[in-house]
Protein backbone atom coordinates (compact mmCIF):
# COMPACT_ATOMS: atom_id res chain seq x y z
CA UNK A 1 0.07 -0.11 0.04
CA UNK A 2 1.55 3.23 -0.89
CA UNK A 3 -1.12 5.64 -0.15
CA UNK A 4 -1.34 8.49 -2.73
CA UNK A 5 -3.34 11.70 -2.57
CA UNK A 6 -1.92 13.07 -5.97
CA UNK A 7 -0.52 11.37 -8.87
CA UNK A 8 3.32 10.77 -8.43
CA UNK A 9 2.89 11.27 -4.76
CA UNK A 10 3.99 8.64 -2.27
CA UNK A 11 2.81 8.75 1.35
CA UNK A 12 5.04 6.91 3.73
CA UNK A 13 3.26 5.34 6.78
CA UNK A 14 5.17 5.74 10.19
CA UNK A 15 7.15 2.40 10.72
CA UNK A 16 6.94 2.94 14.42
CA UNK A 17 4.45 3.95 17.09
CA UNK A 18 5.83 6.84 19.08
CA UNK A 19 6.50 10.71 18.98
CA UNK A 20 7.92 12.40 16.12
CA UNK A 21 11.29 14.23 16.49
CA UNK A 22 12.77 16.77 13.89
CA UNK A 23 15.78 15.21 12.10
CA UNK A 24 17.58 18.27 13.42
CA UNK A 25 17.09 16.99 16.98
CA UNK A 26 18.53 13.51 16.55
CA UNK A 27 21.73 13.19 18.72
CA UNK A 28 23.85 11.96 15.60
CA UNK A 29 25.47 14.52 13.26
CA UNK A 30 25.07 12.29 10.21
CA UNK A 31 21.24 12.36 10.69
CA UNK A 32 20.73 15.82 12.10
CA UNK A 33 22.88 17.23 9.07
CA UNK A 34 20.70 15.31 6.56
CA UNK A 35 24.06 13.72 5.51
CA UNK A 36 22.33 10.47 5.24
CA UNK A 37 19.03 11.75 3.77
CA UNK A 38 15.94 13.72 4.39
CA UNK A 39 13.07 12.87 6.53
CA UNK A 40 12.04 12.79 10.28
CA UNK A 41 12.71 10.57 13.52
CA UNK A 42 10.59 8.80 15.77
CA UNK A 43 11.08 8.24 19.68
CA UNK A 44 9.39 4.79 19.91
CA UNK A 45 6.93 3.78 22.46
CA UNK A 46 5.67 0.50 20.70
CA UNK A 47 7.82 -2.51 20.00
CA UNK A 48 7.00 -3.16 16.39
CA UNK A 49 8.88 -1.78 13.43
CA UNK A 50 6.85 -2.14 10.06
CA UNK A 51 7.58 -1.36 6.60
CA UNK A 52 6.50 2.30 5.77
CA UNK A 53 5.50 1.26 2.19
CA UNK A 54 5.41 -1.47 -0.15
CA UNK A 55 8.95 -2.40 -1.29
CA UNK A 56 11.87 -4.86 -1.17
CA UNK A 57 14.11 -5.11 1.97
CA UNK A 58 17.36 -4.75 -0.02
CA UNK A 59 19.26 -4.59 3.28
CA UNK A 60 18.71 -5.66 6.95
CA UNK A 61 21.88 -5.16 8.65
CA UNK A 62 23.31 -8.25 10.60
CA UNK A 63 22.94 -6.49 14.10
CA UNK A 64 19.11 -5.78 13.20
CA UNK A 65 19.38 -2.21 14.15
CA UNK A 66 18.62 -0.92 10.67
CA UNK A 67 17.09 -1.71 7.26
CA UNK A 68 16.78 -0.50 3.69
CA UNK A 69 13.74 -0.62 1.64
CA UNK A 70 13.30 0.33 -2.09
CA UNK A 71 9.95 0.62 -3.78
CA UNK A 72 8.92 0.49 -7.28
CA UNK A 73 9.04 4.11 -7.66
CA UNK A 74 12.78 4.15 -6.91
CA UNK A 75 12.27 5.38 -3.26
CA UNK A 76 15.32 4.35 -1.05
CA UNK A 77 14.60 4.45 2.58
CA UNK A 78 16.64 3.78 5.57
CA UNK A 79 14.80 2.92 9.17
CA UNK A 80 17.58 3.09 11.61
CA UNK A 81 16.47 2.17 15.35
CA UNK A 82 18.29 4.31 17.86
CA UNK A 83 21.69 5.90 17.68
CA UNK A 84 24.87 3.82 18.27
CA UNK A 85 22.74 0.70 18.29
CA UNK A 86 25.13 -1.09 16.00
CA UNK A 87 27.37 -1.44 19.08
CA UNK A 88 24.87 -3.63 20.75
CA UNK A 89 25.64 -6.69 18.43
CA UNK A 90 21.99 -7.37 17.61
CA UNK A 91 20.83 -7.41 21.30
CA UNK A 92 17.20 -5.78 21.70
CA UNK A 93 16.29 -6.73 18.31
CA UNK A 94 14.39 -9.59 16.78
CA UNK A 95 14.01 -9.89 12.89
CA UNK A 96 10.63 -10.73 11.57
CA UNK A 97 11.11 -10.50 7.84
CA UNK A 98 14.15 -11.57 5.58
CA UNK A 99 16.62 -9.30 3.55
CA UNK A 100 15.75 -9.69 -0.13
CA UNK A 101 11.98 -10.14 0.69
CA UNK A 102 9.03 -8.02 -0.69
CA UNK A 103 7.05 -6.45 2.06
CA UNK A 104 3.58 -4.49 2.09
CA UNK A 105 3.26 -1.21 4.06
CA UNK A 106 2.53 -2.18 7.65
CA UNK A 107 4.04 -5.64 7.47
CA UNK A 108 6.37 -6.18 10.63
CA UNK A 109 10.10 -6.11 9.87
CA UNK A 110 11.57 -5.97 13.49
CA UNK A 111 10.68 -6.24 17.03
CA UNK A 112 12.20 -4.27 19.68
CA UNK A 113 13.01 -4.81 23.28
CA UNK A 114 12.46 -1.07 24.30
CA UNK A 115 13.63 -1.77 27.89
CA UNK A 116 16.81 -3.05 26.96
CA UNK A 117 17.39 -0.49 24.21
CA UNK A 118 16.47 2.34 26.57
CA UNK A 119 19.06 1.05 28.90
CA UNK A 120 21.97 0.35 26.54
CA UNK A 121 21.81 2.66 23.48
CA UNK A 122 23.02 6.12 23.33
CA UNK A 123 19.54 6.91 22.28
CA UNK A 124 16.36 5.23 21.05
CA UNK A 125 15.25 8.02 18.59
CA UNK A 126 15.05 6.30 15.24
CA UNK A 127 15.50 8.17 11.96
CA UNK A 128 13.37 7.27 8.89
CA UNK A 129 15.36 8.84 5.90
CA UNK A 130 14.81 9.06 2.16
CA UNK A 131 18.55 8.34 1.21
CA UNK A 132 18.20 9.37 -2.46
CA UNK A 133 16.74 12.74 -1.71
CA UNK A 134 18.17 14.32 -4.59
CA UNK A 135 15.91 12.33 -7.00
CA UNK A 136 12.82 13.70 -5.40
CA UNK A 137 11.15 17.03 -4.52
CA UNK A 138 11.91 17.96 -0.72
CA UNK A 139 10.02 15.68 1.71
CA UNK A 140 6.63 17.28 2.56
CA UNK A 141 3.75 17.01 4.91
CA UNK A 142 5.80 15.94 7.82
CA UNK A 143 3.95 14.33 10.66
CA UNK A 144 4.21 15.89 14.22
CA UNK A 145 3.14 14.59 17.52
CA UNK A 146 2.03 10.94 18.11
CA UNK A 147 2.12 8.46 15.09
CA UNK A 148 0.92 4.85 15.10
CA UNK A 149 3.05 2.11 13.18
CA UNK A 150 1.53 1.38 9.73
CA UNK A 151 -1.48 3.80 10.07
CA UNK A 152 -0.13 7.32 10.47
CA UNK A 153 1.27 9.05 7.43
CA UNK A 154 4.87 10.09 8.21
CA UNK A 155 5.66 12.22 5.28
CA UNK A 156 5.13 12.58 1.50
CA UNK A 157 7.63 11.93 -1.33
CA UNK A 158 7.03 13.30 -4.70
CA UNK A 159 9.41 13.02 -7.96
CA UNK A 160 10.92 16.17 -9.36
């Protein structure tokens, strides 16, 4: 499901339940300066991480702290759970989908142990970024406040 309100527009659904955080407020310079890509971050309150749109899971890191998804319109996304969570060696994460598989928007990809992550990660703030932002118009309609995984529109992407 790629919700489209206008032709050529792709509406990403929130991959996490929680509170939206501006990318500039992420405690990691690569994300805060948008060097990785454009988007927003979420402070998670729910344990499931779902696909924000239909697409292929082109990469799930061995440590399960992040995944990359590409859809049929060429949108390349990274969902990165927490900051410096790669150092946890996979602890706090359970993989629910496999690299290379095709997923539908809202389909579970990871399950989080928020108590463990909250105690051991630098931060659980989780960026959701468009990594090939140069191929698209600036992300628009950024969500604010509370979001629900697989239900709340997070932001809109449109081809240039």
